Amino acid sequence: MEKCYLVVVVHLNNVHYIQLAKSDAGYALSAFENKDEALKQFDGFKQKALSSSYESHISGSIGVINLRPHIIEVEKNNPETLRDYLIEDRPYDLKGSVFGAFINMVGVKVKEEILKLSVCDVANKYIDEVYSY
């Protein structure tokens, strides 16, 4: 069974979202071939958190903590497995800011239970890396 990786952004107004990508037909799941590709989306936070500048360090650390992104693993050819986690299937334009991060993405609301599929808690991974140096 072939797998792919999706980004679930957590804690935007206490709601979980799966990130979507714009396609010719509207919106589609934003999937990656492997976990490392999905993680690259958050490299800006990691670089800021590793910065010697106090302001950048705090901004990057707090930003990724406030978003609480997770990467989930799902079957590549069976997106229907996510249907049980949907709260509603309409896309939301998510724009604005939380402390340390600016949001500009489209997502669909999902239940917190989707975190059972998580293969990476991005905030914990990056904070662990920052403090292991």
N, C-alpha and C. Protein backbone atom coordinates (compact mmCIF):
# COMPACT_ATOMS: atom_id res chain seq x y z
N MET A 1 0.84 -1.16 0.00
CA MET A 1 0.00 0.00 0.00
C MET A 1 0.89 1.25 0.00
N GLU A 2 0.79 2.02 -1.05
CA GLU A 2 1.61 3.22 -1.21
C GLU A 2 1.05 4.35 -0.34
N LYS A 3 1.94 5.11 0.29
CA LYS A 3 1.55 6.18 1.19
C LYS A 3 1.92 7.55 0.62
N CYS A 4 1.23 8.57 1.12
CA CYS A 4 1.62 9.95 0.84
C CYS A 4 1.44 10.73 2.14
N TYR A 5 1.91 11.98 2.14
CA TYR A 5 1.96 12.76 3.36
C TYR A 5 1.26 14.09 3.16
N LEU A 6 0.41 14.44 4.11
CA LEU A 6 -0.35 15.68 4.07
C LEU A 6 0.00 16.51 5.29
N VAL A 7 -0.22 17.80 5.17
CA VAL A 7 0.02 18.70 6.29
C VAL A 7 -1.32 19.04 6.93
N VAL A 8 -1.39 18.85 8.23
CA VAL A 8 -2.54 19.27 9.02
C VAL A 8 -2.06 20.42 9.88
N VAL A 9 -2.63 21.58 9.71
CA VAL A 9 -2.25 22.72 10.53
C VAL A 9 -3.26 22.81 11.66
N VAL A 10 -2.76 22.84 12.86
CA VAL A 10 -3.60 22.80 14.05
C VAL A 10 -3.60 24.17 14.72
N HIS A 11 -4.67 24.44 15.40
CA HIS A 11 -4.76 25.58 16.31
C HIS A 11 -4.95 26.91 15.62
N LEU A 12 -5.66 26.94 14.53
CA LEU A 12 -6.09 28.21 13.95
C LEU A 12 -7.50 28.41 14.49
N ASN A 13 -7.63 29.29 15.45
CA ASN A 13 -8.91 29.50 16.13
C ASN A 13 -9.47 28.19 16.69
N ASN A 14 -8.59 27.38 17.22
CA ASN A 14 -8.93 26.09 17.84
C ASN A 14 -9.60 25.11 16.88
N VAL A 15 -9.30 25.22 15.61
CA VAL A 15 -9.83 24.32 14.59
C VAL A 15 -8.66 23.68 13.85
N HIS A 16 -8.79 22.41 13.50
CA HIS A 16 -7.78 21.70 12.71
C HIS A 16 -8.14 21.80 11.24
N TYR A 17 -7.13 21.95 10.40
CA TYR A 17 -7.33 22.04 8.95
C TYR A 17 -6.35 21.13 8.23
N ILE A 18 -6.80 20.55 7.12
CA ILE A 18 -5.88 19.91 6.19
C ILE A 18 -5.60 20.94 5.11
N GLN A 19 -4.34 21.13 4.80
CA GLN A 19 -3.94 22.09 3.78
C GLN A 19 -4.37 21.60 2.40
N LEU A 20 -4.92 22.50 1.59
CA LEU A 20 -5.31 22.20 0.22
C LEU A 20 -4.45 23.00 -0.75
N ALA A 21 -4.38 22.50 -1.99
CA ALA A 21 -3.67 23.20 -3.06
C ALA A 21 -4.68 23.55 -4.14
N LYS A 22 -4.47 24.68 -4.80
CA LYS A 22 -5.33 25.10 -5.91
C LYS A 22 -5.02 24.23 -7.12
N SER A 23 -6.10 23.74 -7.76
CA SER A 23 -5.93 22.95 -8.98
C SER A 23 -6.86 23.50 -10.05
N ASP A 24 -6.77 22.97 -11.26
CA ASP A 24 -7.64 23.43 -12.34
C ASP A 24 -9.12 23.23 -12.01
N ALA A 25 -9.43 22.19 -11.27
CA ALA A 25 -10.82 21.86 -10.95
C ALA A 25 -11.28 22.50 -9.64
N GLY A 26 -10.46 23.30 -9.00
CA GLY A 26 -10.82 23.91 -7.72
C GLY A 26 -9.70 23.71 -6.73
N TYR A 27 -9.94 22.87 -5.73
CA TYR A 27 -8.94 22.58 -4.71
C TYR A 27 -8.74 21.08 -4.60
N ALA A 28 -7.52 20.71 -4.22
CA ALA A 28 -7.18 19.30 -4.07
C ALA A 28 -6.31 19.15 -2.82
N LEU A 29 -6.19 17.93 -2.35
CA LEU A 29 -5.30 17.67 -1.22
C LEU A 29 -3.88 18.01 -1.63
N SER A 30 -3.15 18.61 -0.73
CA SER A 30 -1.76 18.99 -0.97
C SER A 30 -0.88 17.88 -0.40
N ALA A 31 -0.54 16.91 -1.24
CA ALA A 31 0.18 15.72 -0.77
C ALA A 31 1.64 15.76 -1.21
N PHE A 32 2.46 15.05 -0.45
CA PHE A 32 3.89 14.96 -0.71
C PHE A 32 4.28 13.49 -0.76
N GLU A 33 5.33 13.21 -1.50
CA GLU A 33 5.81 11.83 -1.66
C GLU A 33 6.41 11.26 -0.38
N ASN A 34 7.02 12.15 0.42
CA ASN A 34 7.62 11.67 1.66
C ASN A 34 7.52 12.75 2.74
N LYS A 35 7.80 12.35 3.95
CA LYS A 35 7.67 13.24 5.11
C LYS A 35 8.63 14.43 5.01
N ASP A 36 9.85 14.20 4.50
CA ASP A 36 10.83 15.28 4.40
C ASP A 36 10.37 16.40 3.48
N GLU A 37 9.69 16.04 2.37
CA GLU A 37 9.16 17.07 1.47
C GLU A 37 8.11 17.91 2.18
N ALA A 38 7.25 17.26 2.95
CA ALA A 38 6.23 17.99 3.70
C ALA A 38 6.87 18.90 4.75
N LEU A 39 7.91 18.43 5.39
CA LEU A 39 8.61 19.22 6.42
C LEU A 39 9.25 20.48 5.85
N LYS A 40 9.68 20.43 4.59
CA LYS A 40 10.35 21.59 3.97
C LYS A 40 9.49 22.85 4.02
N GLN A 41 8.16 22.68 4.07
CA GLN A 41 7.28 23.84 4.14
C GLN A 41 7.51 24.67 5.39
N PHE A 42 8.09 24.06 6.40
CA PHE A 42 8.27 24.72 7.68
C PHE A 42 9.73 25.11 7.96
N ASP A 43 10.59 25.00 6.94
CA ASP A 43 12.00 25.33 7.11
C ASP A 43 12.24 26.77 7.56
N GLY A 44 11.36 27.68 7.14
CA GLY A 44 11.51 29.08 7.57
C GLY A 44 11.45 29.22 9.07
N PHE A 45 10.53 28.48 9.70
CA PHE A 45 10.43 28.51 11.16
C PHE A 45 11.69 27.94 11.79
N LYS A 46 12.18 26.84 11.21
CA LYS A 46 13.38 26.20 11.76
C LYS A 46 14.58 27.14 11.67
N GLN A 47 14.76 27.78 10.52
CA GLN A 47 15.89 28.69 10.35
C GLN A 47 15.80 29.87 11.32
N LYS A 48 14.59 30.41 11.50
CA LYS A 48 14.42 31.51 12.46
C LYS A 48 14.73 31.03 13.88
N ALA A 49 14.21 29.85 14.23
CA ALA A 49 14.41 29.33 15.58
C ALA A 49 15.89 29.07 15.86
N LEU A 50 16.66 28.71 14.83
CA LEU A 50 18.09 28.46 14.99
C LEU A 50 18.93 29.74 14.91
N SER A 51 18.30 30.85 14.59
CA SER A 51 18.99 32.12 14.41
C SER A 51 19.63 32.60 15.70
N SER A 52 20.76 33.30 15.58
CA SER A 52 21.42 33.89 16.75
C SER A 52 20.72 35.18 17.17
N SER A 53 19.84 35.68 16.31
CA SER A 53 19.06 36.87 16.65
C SER A 53 17.92 36.47 17.59
N TYR A 54 17.86 37.10 18.73
CA TYR A 54 16.84 36.76 19.72
C TYR A 54 15.43 36.91 19.15
N GLU A 55 15.18 38.01 18.43
CA GLU A 55 13.85 38.27 17.87
C GLU A 55 13.47 37.19 16.86
N SER A 56 14.40 36.81 15.99
CA SER A 56 14.12 35.76 15.01
C SER A 56 13.90 34.42 15.70
N HIS A 57 14.73 34.12 16.69
CA HIS A 57 14.61 32.87 17.43
C HIS A 57 13.22 32.76 18.06
N ILE A 58 12.78 33.81 18.73
CA ILE A 58 11.46 33.80 19.40
C ILE A 58 10.35 33.71 18.36
N SER A 59 10.44 34.49 17.28
CA SER A 59 9.42 34.48 16.24
C SER A 59 9.26 33.09 15.62
N GLY A 60 10.38 32.47 15.25
CA GLY A 60 10.32 31.13 14.65
C GLY A 60 9.82 30.08 15.60
N SER A 61 10.28 30.13 16.83
CA SER A 61 9.87 29.14 17.83
C SER A 61 8.39 29.28 18.17
N ILE A 62 7.97 30.49 18.49
CA ILE A 62 6.57 30.72 18.87
C ILE A 62 5.65 30.49 17.68
N GLY A 63 6.09 30.88 16.47
CA GLY A 63 5.26 30.70 15.28
C GLY A 63 4.91 29.25 15.04
N VAL A 64 5.89 28.37 15.06
CA VAL A 64 5.63 26.95 14.80
C VAL A 64 4.85 26.32 15.96
N ILE A 65 5.10 26.79 17.17
CA ILE A 65 4.34 26.28 18.32
C ILE A 65 2.88 26.71 18.22
N ASN A 66 2.62 27.95 17.83
CA ASN A 66 1.25 28.44 17.72
C ASN A 66 0.46 27.74 16.62
N LEU A 67 1.12 27.40 15.53
CA LEU A 67 0.42 26.70 14.44
C LEU A 67 0.22 25.22 14.73
N ARG A 68 1.15 24.64 15.47
CA ARG A 68 1.13 23.22 15.83
C ARG A 68 0.86 22.31 14.62
N PRO A 69 1.67 22.44 13.59
CA PRO A 69 1.45 21.60 12.41
C PRO A 69 1.84 20.15 12.66
N HIS A 70 1.12 19.27 12.01
CA HIS A 70 1.42 17.83 12.02
C HIS A 70 1.46 17.36 10.58
N ILE A 71 2.25 16.36 10.33
CA ILE A 71 2.26 15.69 9.03
C ILE A 71 1.59 14.34 9.25
N ILE A 72 0.60 14.05 8.41
CA ILE A 72 -0.10 12.78 8.54
C ILE A 72 0.20 11.90 7.34
N GLU A 73 0.11 10.59 7.56
CA GLU A 73 0.35 9.61 6.51
C GLU A 73 -0.99 8.99 6.12
N VAL A 74 -1.26 8.95 4.82
CA VAL A 74 -2.50 8.36 4.30
C VAL A 74 -2.20 7.52 3.07
N GLU A 75 -3.15 6.69 2.70
CA GLU A 75 -3.00 5.90 1.48
C GLU A 75 -3.02 6.84 0.28
N LYS A 76 -2.07 6.65 -0.61
CA LYS A 76 -1.91 7.55 -1.75
C LYS A 76 -3.12 7.53 -2.69
N ASN A 77 -3.66 6.38 -2.96
CA ASN A 77 -4.74 6.27 -3.95
C ASN A 77 -6.12 6.13 -3.33
N ASN A 78 -6.25 6.50 -2.06
CA ASN A 78 -7.55 6.37 -1.41
C ASN A 78 -7.81 7.56 -0.48
N PRO A 79 -8.02 8.75 -1.05
CA PRO A 79 -8.27 9.92 -0.20
C PRO A 79 -9.59 9.84 0.57
N GLU A 80 -10.46 8.93 0.17
CA GLU A 80 -11.74 8.76 0.86
C GLU A 80 -11.56 8.36 2.32
N THR A 81 -10.41 7.81 2.67
CA THR A 81 -10.18 7.42 4.06
C THR A 81 -10.20 8.64 4.99
N LEU A 82 -10.03 9.83 4.43
CA LEU A 82 -10.06 11.05 5.23
C LEU A 82 -11.48 11.55 5.50
N ARG A 83 -12.45 11.05 4.77
CA ARG A 83 -13.83 11.54 4.89
C ARG A 83 -14.34 11.46 6.32
N ASP A 84 -13.99 10.42 7.06
CA ASP A 84 -14.46 10.27 8.44
C ASP A 84 -13.96 11.39 9.35
N TYR A 85 -12.91 12.06 8.94
CA TYR A 85 -12.33 13.12 9.77
C TYR A 85 -12.84 14.52 9.41
N LEU A 86 -13.53 14.65 8.27
CA LEU A 86 -14.01 15.96 7.83
C LEU A 86 -15.13 16.47 8.73
N ILE A 87 -15.05 17.73 9.07
CA ILE A 87 -16.16 18.40 9.74
C ILE A 87 -17.11 18.92 8.68
N GLU A 88 -16.54 19.50 7.67
CA GLU A 88 -17.28 19.92 6.48
C GLU A 88 -16.30 19.92 5.32
N ASP A 89 -16.81 19.77 4.11
CA ASP A 89 -15.90 19.62 2.97
C ASP A 89 -15.76 20.89 2.14
N ARG A 90 -16.07 22.02 2.71
CA ARG A 90 -15.90 23.28 1.98
C ARG A 90 -14.54 23.89 2.33
N PRO A 91 -13.83 24.40 1.33
CA PRO A 91 -12.52 25.00 1.59
C PRO A 91 -12.66 26.39 2.23
N TYR A 92 -11.72 26.68 3.11
CA TYR A 92 -11.65 27.98 3.77
C TYR A 92 -10.37 28.67 3.38
N ASP A 93 -10.48 29.96 3.04
CA ASP A 93 -9.32 30.80 2.80
C ASP A 93 -8.82 31.25 4.16
N LEU A 94 -7.64 30.85 4.52
CA LEU A 94 -7.09 31.16 5.83
C LEU A 94 -5.99 32.20 5.67
N LYS A 95 -6.29 33.42 6.05
CA LYS A 95 -5.33 34.51 5.94
C LYS A 95 -5.32 35.29 7.23
N GLY A 96 -4.15 35.68 7.65
CA GLY A 96 -4.02 36.45 8.87
C GLY A 96 -2.75 36.07 9.60
N SER A 97 -2.72 36.39 10.87
CA SER A 97 -1.50 36.09 11.61
C SER A 97 -1.81 35.58 13.00
N VAL A 98 -0.90 34.77 13.49
CA VAL A 98 -0.83 34.37 14.88
C VAL A 98 0.54 34.84 15.34
N PHE A 99 0.76 34.92 16.62
CA PHE A 99 2.05 35.39 17.10
C PHE A 99 3.17 34.55 16.51
N GLY A 100 4.05 35.16 15.73
CA GLY A 100 5.20 34.47 15.15
C GLY A 100 4.97 33.90 13.76
N ALA A 101 3.75 34.03 13.21
CA ALA A 101 3.49 33.43 11.89
C ALA A 101 2.39 34.19 11.15
N PHE A 102 2.54 34.23 9.83
CA PHE A 102 1.50 34.76 8.97
C PHE A 102 0.92 33.60 8.18
N ILE A 103 -0.39 33.52 8.09
CA ILE A 103 -1.07 32.42 7.41
C ILE A 103 -1.64 32.91 6.09
N ASN A 104 -1.40 32.16 5.03
CA ASN A 104 -2.01 32.43 3.73
C ASN A 104 -2.14 31.09 3.03
N MET A 105 -3.24 30.40 3.29
CA MET A 105 -3.43 29.06 2.74
C MET A 105 -4.92 28.76 2.62
N VAL A 106 -5.23 27.66 2.00
CA VAL A 106 -6.61 27.17 1.93
C VAL A 106 -6.63 25.83 2.65
N GLY A 107 -7.67 25.63 3.45
CA GLY A 107 -7.76 24.38 4.18
C GLY A 107 -9.19 23.94 4.38
N VAL A 108 -9.34 22.71 4.77
CA VAL A 108 -10.65 22.14 5.06
C VAL A 108 -10.65 21.71 6.53
N LYS A 109 -11.77 21.98 7.22
CA LYS A 109 -11.87 21.68 8.65
C LYS A 109 -11.95 20.17 8.88
N VAL A 110 -11.18 19.72 9.86
CA VAL A 110 -11.19 18.30 10.23
C VAL A 110 -11.26 18.15 11.75
N LYS A 111 -11.66 16.96 12.17
CA LYS A 111 -11.76 16.64 13.60
C LYS A 111 -10.37 16.45 14.19
N GLU A 112 -10.26 16.68 15.48
CA GLU A 112 -8.99 16.51 16.19
C GLU A 112 -8.48 15.08 16.10
N GLU A 113 -9.39 14.13 15.94
CA GLU A 113 -9.01 12.72 15.85
C GLU A 113 -8.08 12.42 14.69
N ILE A 114 -7.99 13.33 13.73
CA ILE A 114 -7.10 13.11 12.58
C ILE A 114 -5.64 13.01 13.04
N LEU A 115 -5.34 13.54 14.21
CA LEU A 115 -3.97 13.49 14.71
C LEU A 115 -3.53 12.06 15.02
N LYS A 116 -4.46 11.10 15.02
CA LYS A 116 -4.08 9.69 15.16
C LYS A 116 -3.24 9.25 13.97
N LEU A 117 -3.37 9.95 12.84
CA LEU A 117 -2.63 9.61 11.62
C LEU A 117 -1.27 10.32 11.57
N SER A 118 -0.97 11.12 12.58
CA SER A 118 0.25 11.92 12.58
C SER A 118 1.51 11.04 12.61
N VAL A 119 2.45 11.39 11.73
CA VAL A 119 3.76 10.75 11.74
C VAL A 119 4.85 11.75 12.15
N CYS A 120 4.44 13.02 12.33
CA CYS A 120 5.40 14.04 12.74
C CYS A 120 4.69 15.24 13.34
N ASP A 121 5.00 15.53 14.59
CA ASP A 121 4.58 16.76 15.24
C ASP A 121 5.70 17.77 14.95
N VAL A 122 5.48 18.63 13.97
CA VAL A 122 6.53 19.51 13.45
C VAL A 122 7.09 20.42 14.55
N ALA A 123 6.23 21.01 15.36
CA ALA A 123 6.70 21.92 16.40
C ALA A 123 7.63 21.20 17.37
N ASN A 124 7.24 20.03 17.86
CA ASN A 124 8.10 19.30 18.78
C ASN A 124 9.41 18.89 18.13
N LYS A 125 9.35 18.46 16.88
CA LYS A 125 10.56 18.05 16.16
C LYS A 125 11.54 19.22 16.05
N TYR A 126 11.03 20.39 15.61
CA TYR A 126 11.92 21.53 15.43
C TYR A 126 12.42 22.10 16.75
N ILE A 127 11.58 22.16 17.76
CA ILE A 127 12.03 22.68 19.05
C ILE A 127 13.08 21.75 19.65
N ASP A 128 12.88 20.43 19.53
CA ASP A 128 13.90 19.47 19.98
C ASP A 128 15.22 19.70 19.26
N GLU A 129 15.16 19.93 17.93
CA GLU A 129 16.39 20.17 17.16
C GLU A 129 17.08 21.45 17.62
N VAL A 130 16.29 22.51 17.85
CA VAL A 130 16.87 23.79 18.25
C VAL A 130 17.61 23.65 19.57
N TYR A 131 17.02 22.94 20.52
CA TYR A 131 17.64 22.86 21.83
C TYR A 131 18.63 21.72 21.97
N SER A 132 18.85 20.97 20.90
CA SER A 132 19.87 19.92 20.95
C SER A 132 21.23 20.46 20.47
N TYR A 133 21.25 21.69 19.95
CA TYR A 133 22.52 22.28 19.49
C TYR A 133 23.33 22.77 20.64
